[in-house]
Amino acid sequence: MTKRITLIILSLCLVLPLSAQTKKINNLKNQKAQMERNLKKTQSDLKETKQNVGQKEARIDFLENQLQSRLNYIRQLEGDITRIEIQIDTLKAEAKRLEAQLEEKKKKYKHSLRMARSSTALRSPSLFVLSAPTFRQMSRRMRYAREYASYQKQLGIEVIAQQNRVRDNQAELLQMKQQHHAVVQDVIRQRKALAREHSVEQTNVVNLRKKQKEMEQRVAAQRKQIDALNKKIDELIAYEIEQARKRAEEKARREAEERHRREAAAKGKTAKGKSSKGSSTATLPSTSPTKWLTPQEQKLNGSFEQNRGRLPVPLTGPYRIGNRFGLYQVAGLAGVTLDNKGVNYIGQQGARARAVFDGEVSAVFALGSTKNVLVRHGSYISVYCNLSSVIVTRGAQVKARDILGTVAEDASGLYVLHFQLRKERQKLNPEAWIGR
């Protein structure tokens, strides 16, 4: 009876550290999942930021082209205005010349009028014509009077027409100059507006690039944290496996000692029992990967290995593969890589996770807002992550294709099942085990 109590106490001493270690591992896994979600959110923000930067840069290029086009147009208008001003100056000079000629003709016209008033013949053309001594002179005087009157009339008409022409030209050119001036003022206003917008866009791009750089640094830091956390988890899992093997060896040793004591008590040979006890120490179980498994687990282990490449997809309904197993570079971040410990299966709304083989549910735990299930198949463990709900509990026996839970929707609106496969602490590529 005392021996049995001692064995129970030893078993409890071995189990309690294991429970604490498992809790520590689960806490670390929770931290890892939270960090991975933060990293995913950061990557999504970074991608959106890069898109915004690209859009802003394209907007700046467009504005610069517009600004250059407007500047060219302004220069063209300024050239037109210069040409118009030259034309105006030319017309002004021409107007002065015409005005001088007009003034000269006016003087001549006034002089002719004074001459006409002072001359009896021109003052009375009829008398001048009729007083001719001969008919021939009378005809000449009549023609002279008509031509002189016509000359005076034509001279007046030309002066008035020239004055009107100069005035009309000046008015037209002035109107054109005013129109061009208005256009130039409008273009200048647009140029100022474009310059202000261009400045704002440049400031936005500078801020976005600064934010992008900060996010790149944050992603790199998160990647280092995840790598460090993965390393720590692997160390703890290795420690737990080693403790399990030691417990199996200790159990085998106790069973061997108990068996030899029974044999010695039955035969009454104490000395031989002591010798047998010494021999039992020499035949301790080996530390091979599957030696510490129970016979039932070893059988399940072999059956699992025989189904390599034929295991069912761990997701119901249509699916596609997202990130694959191993290292991959973060999109848009040169030199930044992440290590995917499994495969991401992207399904449709309502997709559910299902067991890939017979086994026992070894753990059901929450990571943030999602739940995760571990199923043990001998020395192999399949891991189902990112579930919104779970319908199995720890210790439950499951068969291949049994439903474990429903896949949750992530921040990007996708239904992604993160699936891992391990043999003890060795990470396996699930695609080599899952059938097509």
Protein backbone atom coordinates (compact mmCIF):
# COMPACT_ATOMS: atom_id res chain seq x y z
CA MET A 1 0.00 0.00 0.00
CA THR A 2 2.85 2.35 0.89
CA LYS A 3 4.50 1.63 -2.45
CA ARG A 4 1.32 2.50 -4.32
CA ILE A 5 1.01 5.81 -2.47
CA THR A 6 4.65 6.55 -3.29
CA LEU A 7 4.02 5.83 -6.98
CA ILE A 8 0.97 8.12 -6.99
CA ILE A 9 2.97 10.95 -5.40
CA LEU A 10 5.75 10.51 -7.95
CA SER A 11 3.23 10.58 -10.77
CA LEU A 12 1.69 13.79 -9.44
CA CYS A 13 5.12 15.38 -9.16
CA LEU A 14 5.75 14.59 -12.80
CA VAL A 15 2.31 15.71 -14.01
CA LEU A 16 2.21 19.09 -12.20
CA PRO A 17 5.32 20.53 -13.90
CA LEU A 18 3.93 19.32 -17.22
CA SER A 19 0.66 21.18 -16.62
CA ALA A 20 2.54 24.38 -15.75
CA GLN A 21 4.75 23.96 -18.79
CA THR A 22 1.71 23.44 -21.05
CA LYS A 23 0.11 26.58 -19.65
CA LYS A 24 3.31 28.51 -20.32
CA ILE A 25 3.39 27.23 -23.90
CA ASN A 26 -0.26 28.19 -24.43
CA ASN A 27 0.45 31.69 -23.09
CA LEU A 28 3.35 32.03 -25.49
CA LYS A 29 1.18 30.77 -28.34
CA ASN A 30 -1.43 33.39 -27.42
CA GLN A 31 1.27 36.06 -27.55
CA LYS A 32 2.48 34.73 -30.89
CA ALA A 33 -1.02 34.77 -32.39
CA GLN A 34 -1.61 38.32 -31.17
CA MET A 35 1.71 39.41 -32.66
CA GLU A 36 0.88 37.70 -35.96
CA ARG A 37 -2.48 39.49 -36.10
CA ASN A 38 -0.78 42.80 -35.36
CA LEU A 39 1.76 42.06 -38.07
CA LYS A 40 -0.99 41.21 -40.55
CA LYS A 41 -2.81 44.45 -39.72
CA THR A 42 0.44 46.41 -40.08
CA GLN A 43 1.14 44.79 -43.44
CA SER A 44 -2.39 45.64 -44.61
CA ASP A 45 -1.93 49.27 -43.48
CA LEU A 46 1.47 49.36 -45.18
CA LYS A 47 0.01 48.08 -48.43
CA GLU A 48 -2.75 50.70 -48.30
CA THR A 49 -0.17 53.38 -47.48
CA LYS A 50 1.95 52.38 -50.46
CA GLN A 51 -1.09 52.53 -52.70
CA ASN A 52 -1.86 56.00 -51.36
CA VAL A 53 1.74 57.05 -51.96
CA GLY A 54 1.53 55.78 -55.54
CA GLN A 55 -1.74 57.61 -56.10
CA LYS A 56 -0.36 60.81 -54.62
CA GLU A 57 2.78 60.57 -56.75
CA ALA A 58 0.67 60.02 -59.86
CA ARG A 59 -1.47 63.00 -58.82
CA ILE A 60 1.67 65.12 -58.44
CA ASP A 61 2.89 64.09 -61.90
CA PHE A 62 -0.50 65.00 -63.35
CA LEU A 63 -0.49 68.35 -61.58
CA GLU A 64 3.05 69.04 -62.74
CA ASN A 65 2.02 68.32 -66.32
CA GLN A 66 -1.00 70.55 -65.93
CA LEU A 67 1.13 73.26 -64.39
CA GLN A 68 3.66 73.05 -67.22
CA SER A 69 0.88 73.17 -69.80
CA ARG A 70 -0.63 76.20 -68.12
CA LEU A 71 2.76 77.88 -67.94
CA ASN A 72 3.27 77.29 -71.65
CA TYR A 73 -0.16 78.73 -72.32
CA ILE A 74 0.62 81.76 -70.16
CA ARG A 75 3.85 82.33 -72.05
CA GLN A 76 1.95 82.06 -75.34
CA LEU A 77 -0.62 84.59 -74.16
CA GLU A 78 2.08 86.90 -72.97
CA GLY A 79 3.68 86.67 -76.43
CA ASP A 80 0.32 87.46 -78.03
CA ILE A 81 -0.10 90.43 -75.75
CA THR A 82 3.36 91.66 -76.66
CA ARG A 83 2.55 91.39 -80.35
CA ILE A 84 -0.75 93.18 -79.81
CA GLU A 85 0.97 95.95 -77.90
CA ILE A 86 3.46 96.32 -80.76
CA GLN A 87 0.57 96.49 -83.21
CA ILE A 88 -1.12 99.09 -81.02
CA ASP A 89 2.05 101.15 -80.88
CA THR A 90 2.35 100.88 -84.67
CA LEU A 91 -1.23 101.92 -85.15
CA LYS A 92 -0.76 104.79 -82.74
CA ALA A 93 2.21 105.99 -84.77
CA GLU A 94 0.17 105.56 -87.93
CA ALA A 95 -2.67 107.47 -86.31
CA LYS A 96 -0.32 110.29 -85.44
CA ARG A 97 0.93 110.38 -89.01
CA LEU A 98 -2.63 110.41 -90.32
CA GLU A 99 -3.61 113.04 -87.81
CA ALA A 100 -0.68 115.14 -88.98
CA GLN A 101 -1.76 114.67 -92.59
CA LEU A 102 -5.32 115.42 -91.57
CA GLU A 103 -4.23 118.54 -89.82
CA GLU A 104 -2.32 119.58 -92.93
CA LYS A 105 -5.36 118.94 -95.12
CA LYS A 106 -7.51 120.87 -92.69
CA LYS A 107 -5.15 123.77 -92.98
CA LYS A 108 -5.26 123.56 -96.76
CA TYR A 109 -9.03 123.25 -96.63
CA LYS A 110 -9.27 126.33 -94.39
CA HIS A 111 -6.88 128.15 -96.68
CA SER A 112 -8.98 127.21 -99.69
CA LEU A 113 -12.07 128.46 -97.88
CA ARG A 114 -10.39 131.76 -97.08
CA MET A 115 -9.26 132.02 -100.68
CA ALA A 116 -12.80 131.28 -101.80
CA ARG A 117 -14.22 133.97 -99.54
CA SER A 118 -11.65 136.52 -100.66
CA SER A 119 -11.93 135.66 -104.38
CA THR A 120 -14.91 137.12 -106.20
CA ALA A 121 -14.87 134.29 -108.69
CA LEU A 122 -14.85 131.58 -106.04
CA ARG A 123 -17.27 133.48 -103.83
CA SER A 124 -19.79 133.47 -106.70
CA PRO A 125 -19.06 130.49 -108.95
CA SER A 126 -22.02 131.31 -111.22
CA LEU A 127 -20.82 134.85 -111.78
CA PHE A 128 -17.27 133.55 -112.26
CA VAL A 129 -18.45 131.17 -114.99
CA LEU A 130 -20.78 133.62 -116.76
CA SER A 131 -18.21 136.40 -116.79
CA ALA A 132 -15.92 134.40 -119.10
CA PRO A 133 -15.19 136.31 -122.35
CA THR A 134 -15.49 133.20 -124.48
CA PHE A 135 -17.44 130.01 -124.39
CA ARG A 136 -14.27 127.93 -124.15
CA GLN A 137 -13.11 129.80 -121.04
CA MET A 138 -16.55 129.50 -119.59
CA SER A 139 -16.34 125.67 -119.92
CA ARG A 140 -12.93 125.62 -118.31
CA ARG A 141 -14.12 127.81 -115.44
CA MET A 142 -17.14 125.55 -114.90
CA ARG A 143 -14.97 122.41 -114.85
CA TYR A 144 -12.51 124.07 -112.45
CA ALA A 145 -15.30 125.09 -110.07
CA ARG A 146 -16.74 121.53 -110.05
CA GLU A 147 -13.34 119.90 -109.52
CA TYR A 148 -12.45 122.32 -106.76
CA ALA A 149 -15.75 121.68 -104.96
CA SER A 150 -15.37 117.93 -105.43
CA TYR A 151 -11.81 118.07 -104.13
CA GLN A 152 -12.91 119.88 -101.00
CA LYS A 153 -15.76 117.40 -100.40
CA GLN A 154 -13.57 114.33 -101.01
CA LEU A 155 -10.88 115.71 -98.76
CA GLY A 156 -13.41 116.12 -95.96
CA ILE A 157 -14.83 112.62 -96.47
CA GLU A 158 -11.36 111.03 -96.43
CA VAL A 159 -10.42 112.84 -93.27
CA ILE A 160 -13.60 111.73 -91.49
CA ALA A 161 -13.22 108.11 -92.75
CA GLN A 162 -9.59 107.96 -91.68
CA GLN A 163 -10.52 109.28 -88.25
CA ASN A 164 -13.22 106.62 -87.89
CA ARG A 165 -10.85 103.88 -89.07
CA VAL A 166 -8.16 104.82 -86.59
CA ARG A 167 -10.70 105.04 -83.75
CA ASP A 168 -12.22 101.65 -84.62
CA ASN A 169 -8.83 99.99 -84.79
CA GLN A 170 -7.78 101.41 -81.46
CA ALA A 171 -11.05 100.31 -79.87
CA GLU A 172 -10.69 96.77 -81.28
CA LEU A 173 -7.11 96.43 -80.16
CA LEU A 174 -7.97 97.76 -76.75
CA GLN A 175 -10.75 95.19 -76.43
CA MET A 176 -8.41 92.40 -77.50
CA LYS A 177 -5.85 93.54 -74.97
CA GLN A 178 -8.49 93.57 -72.23
CA GLN A 179 -9.61 90.03 -73.16
CA HIS A 180 -6.06 88.75 -73.14
CA HIS A 181 -5.40 90.45 -69.87
CA ALA A 182 -8.48 88.77 -68.35
CA VAL A 183 -7.33 85.36 -69.62
CA VAL A 184 -3.85 85.91 -68.24
CA GLN A 185 -5.26 86.88 -64.86
CA ASP A 186 -7.40 83.72 -64.83
CA VAL A 187 -4.45 81.53 -65.77
CA ILE A 188 -2.34 83.18 -63.10
CA ARG A 189 -5.03 82.40 -60.53
CA GLN A 190 -5.15 78.79 -61.71
CA ARG A 191 -1.37 78.65 -61.59
CA LYS A 192 -1.40 79.80 -57.98
CA ALA A 193 -4.13 77.27 -57.13
CA LEU A 194 -2.18 74.48 -58.83
CA ALA A 195 0.97 75.53 -57.02
CA ARG A 196 -0.87 75.40 -53.69
CA GLU A 197 -2.34 71.97 -54.49
CA HIS A 198 1.04 70.76 -55.68
CA SER A 199 2.58 71.88 -52.39
CA VAL A 200 -0.14 70.12 -50.40
CA GLU A 201 0.33 66.90 -52.38
CA GLN A 202 4.08 67.01 -51.87
CA THR A 203 3.57 67.43 -48.15
CA ASN A 204 1.14 64.48 -48.10
CA VAL A 205 3.59 62.27 -49.99
CA VAL A 206 6.41 63.21 -47.61
CA ASN A 207 4.21 62.32 -44.64
CA LEU A 208 3.07 59.06 -46.25
CA ARG A 209 6.64 58.06 -47.05
CA LYS A 210 7.62 58.81 -43.48
CA LYS A 211 4.72 56.69 -42.27
CA GLN A 212 5.70 53.93 -44.68
CA LYS A 213 9.24 53.91 -43.34
CA GLU A 214 7.98 53.72 -39.77
CA MET A 215 5.68 50.83 -40.71
CA GLU A 216 8.56 49.01 -42.42
CA GLN A 217 10.58 49.34 -39.24
CA ARG A 218 7.60 48.14 -37.22
CA VAL A 219 7.12 45.11 -39.50
CA ALA A 220 10.80 44.25 -39.20
CA ALA A 221 10.62 44.53 -35.41
CA GLN A 222 7.48 42.37 -35.28
CA ARG A 223 9.15 39.79 -37.50
CA LYS A 224 12.09 39.59 -35.08
CA GLN A 225 9.70 39.22 -32.15
CA ILE A 226 7.80 36.42 -33.90
CA ASP A 227 11.05 34.64 -34.77
CA ALA A 228 12.21 34.90 -31.19
CA LEU A 229 8.85 33.70 -29.91
CA ASN A 230 8.85 30.74 -32.32
CA LYS A 231 12.30 29.79 -31.11
CA LYS A 232 11.16 29.94 -27.50
CA ILE A 233 8.06 27.84 -28.24
CA ASP A 234 10.20 25.24 -30.03
CA GLU A 235 12.52 25.09 -27.01
CA LEU A 236 9.58 24.59 -24.64
CA ILE A 237 8.03 21.92 -26.85
CA ALA A 238 11.39 20.12 -27.03
CA TYR A 239 11.63 20.32 -23.25
CA GLU A 240 8.12 18.95 -22.83
CA ILE A 241 8.84 16.04 -25.21
CA GLU A 242 12.02 15.27 -23.32
CA GLN A 243 10.11 15.25 -20.04
CA ALA A 244 7.50 12.92 -21.58
CA ARG A 245 10.25 10.54 -22.65
CA LYS A 246 11.79 10.62 -19.18
CA ARG A 247 8.41 9.88 -17.66
CA ALA A 248 7.98 6.95 -20.04
CA GLU A 249 11.42 5.62 -19.11
CA GLU A 250 10.68 6.06 -15.42
CA LYS A 251 7.37 4.28 -15.80
CA ALA A 252 9.03 1.41 -17.65
CA ARG A 253 11.70 1.17 -14.95
CA ARG A 254 9.10 1.07 -12.17
CA GLU A 255 7.10 -1.56 -14.03
CA ALA A 256 10.24 -3.67 -14.51
CA GLU A 257 11.15 -3.36 -10.82
CA GLU A 258 7.63 -4.26 -9.77
CA ARG A 259 7.62 -7.27 -12.08
CA HIS A 260 10.93 -8.55 -10.76
CA ARG A 261 9.85 -8.06 -7.15
CA ARG A 262 6.73 -10.10 -7.82
CA GLU A 263 8.81 -12.82 -9.42
CA ALA A 264 11.22 -12.80 -6.48
CA ALA A 265 8.41 -12.94 -3.94
CA ALA A 266 6.78 -15.82 -5.79
CA LYS A 267 10.00 -17.86 -5.93
CA GLY A 268 11.35 -16.77 -2.55
CA LYS A 269 14.74 -15.94 -4.04
CA THR A 270 15.74 -12.56 -2.71
CA ALA A 271 19.26 -12.64 -4.08
CA LYS A 272 18.08 -13.49 -7.53
CA GLY A 273 15.53 -10.67 -7.29
CA LYS A 274 18.35 -8.23 -6.58
CA SER A 275 20.24 -9.57 -9.57
CA SER A 276 17.13 -9.16 -11.71
CA LYS A 277 16.78 -5.61 -10.47
CA GLY A 278 20.27 -4.82 -11.66
CA SER A 279 19.53 -6.38 -15.05
CA SER A 280 16.38 -4.27 -15.38
CA THR A 281 18.48 -1.16 -15.18
CA ALA A 282 20.56 -2.40 -18.07
CA THR A 283 17.49 -2.88 -20.30
CA LEU A 284 15.96 0.58 -20.15
CA PRO A 285 13.83 1.63 -23.15
CA SER A 286 15.58 3.54 -25.88
CA THR A 287 14.87 7.18 -26.62
CA SER A 288 13.80 6.68 -30.25
CA PRO A 289 11.06 9.04 -31.42
CA THR A 290 8.19 6.54 -31.09
CA LYS A 291 9.47 4.22 -28.34
CA TRP A 292 7.80 6.23 -25.60
CA LEU A 293 4.37 5.94 -27.30
CA THR A 294 1.82 3.44 -26.13
CA PRO A 295 1.23 0.41 -28.38
CA GLN A 296 -2.06 1.94 -29.58
CA GLU A 297 -0.34 5.26 -30.36
CA GLN A 298 2.45 3.49 -32.21
CA LYS A 299 -0.09 1.71 -34.37
CA LEU A 300 -1.87 5.00 -35.11
CA ASN A 301 1.49 6.58 -35.85
CA GLY A 302 2.32 3.95 -38.47
CA SER A 303 -1.11 4.22 -40.08
CA PHE A 304 -0.71 8.00 -40.33
CA GLU A 305 2.64 7.63 -42.07
CA GLN A 306 1.17 5.14 -44.56
CA ASN A 307 -1.35 7.78 -45.63
CA ARG A 308 1.27 10.37 -46.53
CA GLY A 309 0.11 12.33 -49.60
CA ARG A 310 -3.47 11.02 -49.21
CA LEU A 311 -4.77 12.93 -46.21
CA PRO A 312 -7.95 14.96 -46.85
CA VAL A 313 -7.87 18.74 -47.16
CA PRO A 314 -8.49 20.21 -43.69
CA LEU A 315 -11.20 22.53 -45.04
CA THR A 316 -14.70 21.92 -46.36
CA GLY A 317 -15.94 23.38 -49.62
CA PRO A 318 -14.06 25.15 -52.43
CA TYR A 319 -10.69 26.56 -51.45
CA ARG A 320 -7.42 28.00 -52.68
CA ILE A 321 -3.98 28.07 -51.11
CA GLY A 322 -2.69 31.41 -49.81
CA ASN A 323 0.72 31.58 -48.17
CA ARG A 324 2.61 28.32 -48.45
CA PHE A 325 4.96 26.61 -46.02
CA GLY A 326 8.33 28.22 -45.30
CA LEU A 327 9.92 31.61 -45.75
CA TYR A 328 8.27 34.21 -47.96
CA GLN A 329 8.92 37.88 -48.64
CA VAL A 330 6.43 40.45 -47.42
CA ALA A 331 4.85 42.13 -50.44
CA GLY A 332 6.25 45.58 -51.10
CA LEU A 333 8.98 45.33 -48.44
CA ALA A 334 12.32 44.41 -49.90
CA GLY A 335 14.39 42.25 -47.57
CA VAL A 336 11.55 41.55 -45.11
CA THR A 337 10.61 37.87 -44.87
CA LEU A 338 8.30 35.86 -42.64
CA ASP A 339 8.38 32.18 -41.77
CA ASN A 340 5.06 30.40 -42.30
CA LYS A 341 4.95 27.29 -40.12
CA GLY A 342 2.10 25.79 -42.14
CA VAL A 343 -0.23 26.42 -45.08
CA ASN A 344 -3.08 28.93 -45.34
CA TYR A 345 -6.24 27.52 -46.93
CA ILE A 346 -8.66 30.24 -48.10
CA GLY A 347 -12.25 29.03 -48.24
CA GLN A 348 -15.73 30.51 -48.57
CA GLN A 349 -18.14 31.80 -45.98
CA GLY A 350 -19.31 28.94 -43.79
CA ALA A 351 -16.20 26.84 -44.42
CA ARG A 352 -15.36 24.47 -41.57
CA ALA A 353 -12.19 22.83 -40.37
CA ARG A 354 -12.09 19.03 -40.38
CA ALA A 355 -9.67 16.45 -39.00
CA VAL A 356 -7.19 15.04 -41.51
CA PHE A 357 -6.90 11.69 -39.68
CA ASP A 358 -8.06 9.69 -36.69
CA GLY A 359 -6.73 11.00 -33.41
CA GLU A 360 -7.33 12.61 -30.05
CA VAL A 361 -8.00 16.31 -29.44
CA SER A 362 -5.02 17.29 -27.31
CA ALA A 363 -5.80 20.99 -26.93
CA VAL A 364 -8.50 23.58 -27.58
CA PHE A 365 -7.42 27.13 -26.82
CA ALA A 366 -8.25 30.70 -27.75
CA LEU A 367 -5.84 33.16 -29.34
CA GLY A 368 -7.39 36.59 -29.11
CA SER A 369 -10.79 36.44 -30.78
CA THR A 370 -10.22 33.09 -32.54
CA LYS A 371 -9.95 29.50 -31.37
CA ASN A 372 -7.48 26.76 -32.23
CA VAL A 373 -7.52 22.96 -32.09
CA LEU A 374 -4.64 20.50 -31.82
CA VAL A 375 -5.25 16.86 -32.75
CA ARG A 376 -2.63 14.24 -31.90
CA HIS A 377 -2.11 11.24 -34.18
CA GLY A 378 0.54 9.28 -32.33
CA SER A 379 3.74 11.34 -32.57
CA TYR A 380 2.12 13.54 -35.24
CA ILE A 381 0.11 16.66 -34.37
CA SER A 382 -2.20 18.57 -36.71
CA VAL A 383 -3.01 22.18 -35.84
CA TYR A 384 -6.15 24.07 -36.97
CA CYS A 385 -6.04 27.85 -36.39
CA ASN A 386 -8.34 30.85 -36.87
CA LEU A 387 -11.68 29.27 -35.95
CA SER A 388 -14.67 31.32 -34.87
CA SER A 389 -16.27 28.38 -33.06
CA VAL A 390 -15.27 24.86 -32.02
CA ILE A 391 -17.50 21.81 -31.48
CA VAL A 392 -14.89 19.46 -29.94
CA THR A 393 -13.29 19.40 -26.52
CA ARG A 394 -9.94 18.27 -25.20
CA GLY A 395 -9.65 14.48 -24.95
CA ALA A 396 -12.33 13.82 -27.58
CA GLN A 397 -11.64 11.05 -30.10
CA VAL A 398 -12.14 12.13 -33.73
CA LYS A 399 -12.14 10.35 -37.06
CA ALA A 400 -10.82 11.55 -40.38
CA ARG A 401 -13.05 14.30 -41.88
CA ASP A 402 -14.85 14.93 -38.58
CA ILE A 403 -15.82 18.61 -38.21
CA LEU A 404 -13.82 20.49 -35.60
CA GLY A 405 -15.18 24.03 -35.96
CA THR A 406 -16.06 26.95 -38.25
CA VAL A 407 -13.41 29.12 -39.92
CA ALA A 408 -13.44 32.78 -38.83
CA GLU A 409 -13.47 35.81 -41.12
CA ASP A 410 -10.30 37.90 -40.95
CA ALA A 411 -9.87 41.68 -41.21
CA SER A 412 -9.66 41.53 -45.01
CA GLY A 413 -12.95 39.63 -45.33
CA LEU A 414 -11.34 36.26 -46.12
CA TYR A 415 -11.97 32.91 -44.46
CA VAL A 416 -8.47 31.56 -43.89
CA LEU A 417 -7.65 28.31 -42.10
CA HIS A 418 -4.05 28.22 -40.96
CA PHE A 419 -3.05 24.55 -40.87
CA GLN A 420 0.16 23.14 -39.39
CA LEU A 421 1.53 19.62 -39.21
CA ARG A 422 4.31 18.48 -36.85
CA LYS A 423 6.07 15.31 -35.85
CA GLU A 424 7.00 16.02 -32.26
CA ARG A 425 9.05 19.24 -32.57
CA GLN A 426 9.77 18.80 -36.30
CA LYS A 427 7.78 21.14 -38.56
CA LEU A 428 6.40 19.39 -41.66
CA ASN A 429 5.19 20.82 -44.97
CA PRO A 430 1.47 19.98 -45.00
CA GLU A 431 1.34 19.98 -48.80
CA ALA A 432 3.50 16.83 -48.85
CA TRP A 433 0.90 15.01 -46.74
CA ILE A 434 -2.41 16.42 -48.00
CA GLY A 435 -3.90 14.80 -51.12
CA ARG A 436 -4.75 16.83 -54.23
